[in-house]
Amino acid sequence: TISTQFEQFFRIMAFIGWIIGGFSLLVGGFGIANIMFVSVKERTSIIGIQKALGAKSYFILLQFLFEAVFLSLLGGILGLLIIFIFTLISTYAFQFQLVLTLANIVLGITVSIVIGLIAGIVPSYLAARMDPVEAMRSTF
């Protein structure tokens, strides 16, 4: 019947949406990781100075990990604001009600934080393991 065909169509569309969303998250994660690798590389001498002055490795790790999570969270919040604007446009311009629930907002923020943690762990770990003398000697 028509209703089962519609259900199957919407299931397929939802599946395709999940695949596209997954690839988007993957690309975003690689983008954040790339930014963090560049950030570590640019600040190599600063990391060396910090470590020479007594900064612990976990402090360096947390510093770069915080930066990665902050970038990811900022992107997630910006994405949620764009989605909120589109829900307002669809509701008032097209009389098509889309709802942005609190659960969806929390899910978006949580996924953003997790992506930032995953993308930032390797660059942060590499920054934390740098030898202070070699890092200060670095000229980029």
Protein backbone atom coordinates (compact mmCIF):
# COMPACT_ATOMS: atom_id res chain seq x y z
CA THR A 1 0.00 0.00 0.00
CA ILE A 2 0.89 3.65 -0.23
CA SER A 3 1.46 4.07 3.52
CA THR A 4 4.00 1.23 3.67
CA GLN A 5 5.79 2.67 0.64
CA PHE A 6 5.96 6.05 2.38
CA GLU A 7 7.26 4.43 5.56
CA GLN A 8 9.94 2.60 3.61
CA PHE A 9 10.85 5.78 1.73
CA PHE A 10 11.21 7.76 4.98
CA ARG A 11 13.27 4.98 6.56
CA ILE A 12 15.64 5.07 3.60
CA MET A 13 15.82 8.88 3.76
CA ALA A 14 16.56 8.73 7.50
CA PHE A 15 19.33 6.20 6.87
CA ILE A 16 20.84 8.41 4.16
CA GLY A 17 20.61 11.36 6.56
CA TRP A 18 22.53 9.43 9.22
CA ILE A 19 25.23 8.53 6.69
CA ILE A 20 25.58 12.15 5.54
CA GLY A 21 25.63 13.32 9.17
CA GLY A 22 28.30 10.77 10.04
CA PHE A 23 30.51 11.89 7.18
CA SER A 24 29.98 15.51 8.22
CA LEU A 25 31.11 14.70 11.75
CA LEU A 26 34.11 12.80 10.40
CA VAL A 27 35.16 15.73 8.20
CA GLY A 28 34.64 18.16 11.08
CA GLY A 29 36.73 15.97 13.37
CA PHE A 30 39.55 15.80 10.83
CA GLY A 31 39.34 19.58 10.41
CA ILE A 32 39.69 20.16 14.15
CA ALA A 33 42.54 17.65 14.38
CA ASN A 34 44.32 19.41 11.51
CA ILE A 35 43.88 22.80 13.18
CA MET A 36 45.25 21.38 16.42
CA PHE A 37 48.29 19.83 14.71
CA VAL A 38 49.06 23.21 13.14
CA SER A 39 48.53 24.93 16.48
CA VAL A 40 50.94 22.56 18.21
CA LYS A 41 53.50 22.99 15.42
CA GLU A 42 53.27 26.80 15.53
CA ARG A 43 53.62 26.87 19.32
CA THR A 44 56.41 24.32 19.62
CA SER A 45 58.91 26.80 21.06
CA ILE A 46 56.30 28.14 23.48
CA ILE A 47 55.58 24.60 24.65
CA GLY A 48 59.32 24.13 25.21
CA ILE A 49 59.52 27.32 27.27
CA GLN A 50 56.48 26.30 29.33
CA LYS A 51 57.99 22.88 30.03
CA ALA A 52 61.40 24.40 30.84
CA LEU A 53 59.72 26.69 33.35
CA GLY A 54 58.13 23.70 35.06
CA ALA A 55 54.80 23.12 33.33
CA LYS A 56 53.71 19.52 33.75
CA SER A 57 52.92 17.37 30.73
CA TYR A 58 49.29 16.98 31.80
CA PHE A 59 48.95 20.78 31.88
CA ILE A 60 50.14 21.02 28.26
CA LEU A 61 47.84 18.14 27.32
CA LEU A 62 44.83 19.77 29.00
CA GLN A 63 45.65 23.14 27.44
CA PHE A 64 45.49 21.81 23.88
CA LEU A 65 42.62 19.44 24.63
CA PHE A 66 40.61 22.35 26.03
CA GLU A 67 41.33 24.33 22.87
CA ALA A 68 40.11 21.46 20.66
CA VAL A 69 36.93 21.00 22.70
CA PHE A 70 36.32 24.76 22.70
CA LEU A 71 36.64 24.94 18.90
CA SER A 72 34.33 21.97 18.47
CA LEU A 73 31.80 23.32 20.96
CA LEU A 74 31.84 26.70 19.25
CA GLY A 75 31.10 24.98 15.93
CA GLY A 76 28.32 22.94 17.54
CA ILE A 77 26.69 26.02 19.05
CA LEU A 78 26.95 27.86 15.74
CA GLY A 79 25.33 24.87 14.01
CA LEU A 80 22.51 24.83 16.55
CA LEU A 81 21.91 28.55 16.01
CA ILE A 82 21.70 27.99 12.25
CA ILE A 83 19.25 25.11 12.78
CA PHE A 84 17.18 27.29 15.12
CA ILE A 85 16.99 30.03 12.47
CA PHE A 86 15.87 27.46 9.88
CA THR A 87 13.16 26.15 12.22
CA LEU A 88 11.87 29.70 12.66
CA ILE A 89 11.91 30.28 8.90
CA SER A 90 10.08 27.01 8.21
CA THR A 91 7.48 27.75 10.87
CA TYR A 92 6.70 31.35 9.97
CA ALA A 93 7.42 31.50 6.24
CA PHE A 94 6.12 28.09 5.16
CA GLN A 95 3.76 27.15 8.03
CA PHE A 96 5.72 23.90 8.42
CA GLN A 97 6.36 23.18 12.08
CA LEU A 98 9.86 21.94 12.91
CA VAL A 99 10.73 21.49 16.57
CA LEU A 100 14.19 21.79 18.08
CA THR A 101 13.81 19.89 21.35
CA LEU A 102 15.99 20.20 24.42
CA ALA A 103 17.07 16.58 23.88
CA ASN A 104 18.31 17.46 20.38
CA ILE A 105 20.18 20.49 21.71
CA VAL A 106 21.84 18.42 24.44
CA LEU A 107 22.69 15.72 21.90
CA GLY A 108 24.26 18.29 19.58
CA ILE A 109 26.35 19.82 22.37
CA THR A 110 27.42 16.39 23.63
CA VAL A 111 28.42 15.18 20.17
CA SER A 112 30.39 18.41 19.64
CA ILE A 113 32.29 17.88 22.89
CA VAL A 114 33.02 14.23 22.08
CA ILE A 115 34.24 15.11 18.58
CA GLY A 116 36.52 17.78 20.08
CA LEU A 117 37.92 15.30 22.61
CA ILE A 118 38.54 12.63 19.99
CA ALA A 119 40.04 15.06 17.46
CA GLY A 120 42.24 16.80 20.01
CA ILE A 121 43.67 13.87 21.94
CA VAL A 122 46.51 12.97 19.55
CA PRO A 123 47.80 16.54 18.95
CA SER A 124 47.49 17.27 22.68
CA TYR A 125 49.37 14.10 23.58
CA LEU A 126 52.15 14.92 21.11
CA ALA A 127 52.44 18.44 22.54
CA ALA A 128 52.62 17.07 26.08
CA ARG A 129 55.39 14.60 25.17
CA MET A 130 57.71 17.18 23.58
CA ASP A 131 61.24 17.45 24.89
CA PRO A 132 61.71 21.01 26.23
CA VAL A 133 65.18 21.48 24.74
CA GLU A 134 64.18 20.21 21.29
CA ALA A 135 60.97 22.25 21.39
CA MET A 136 62.77 25.49 22.26
CA ARG A 137 65.33 24.82 19.52
CA SER A 138 62.54 24.47 16.96
CA THR A 139 62.11 27.28 14.45
CA PHE A 140 58.92 25.83 12.90
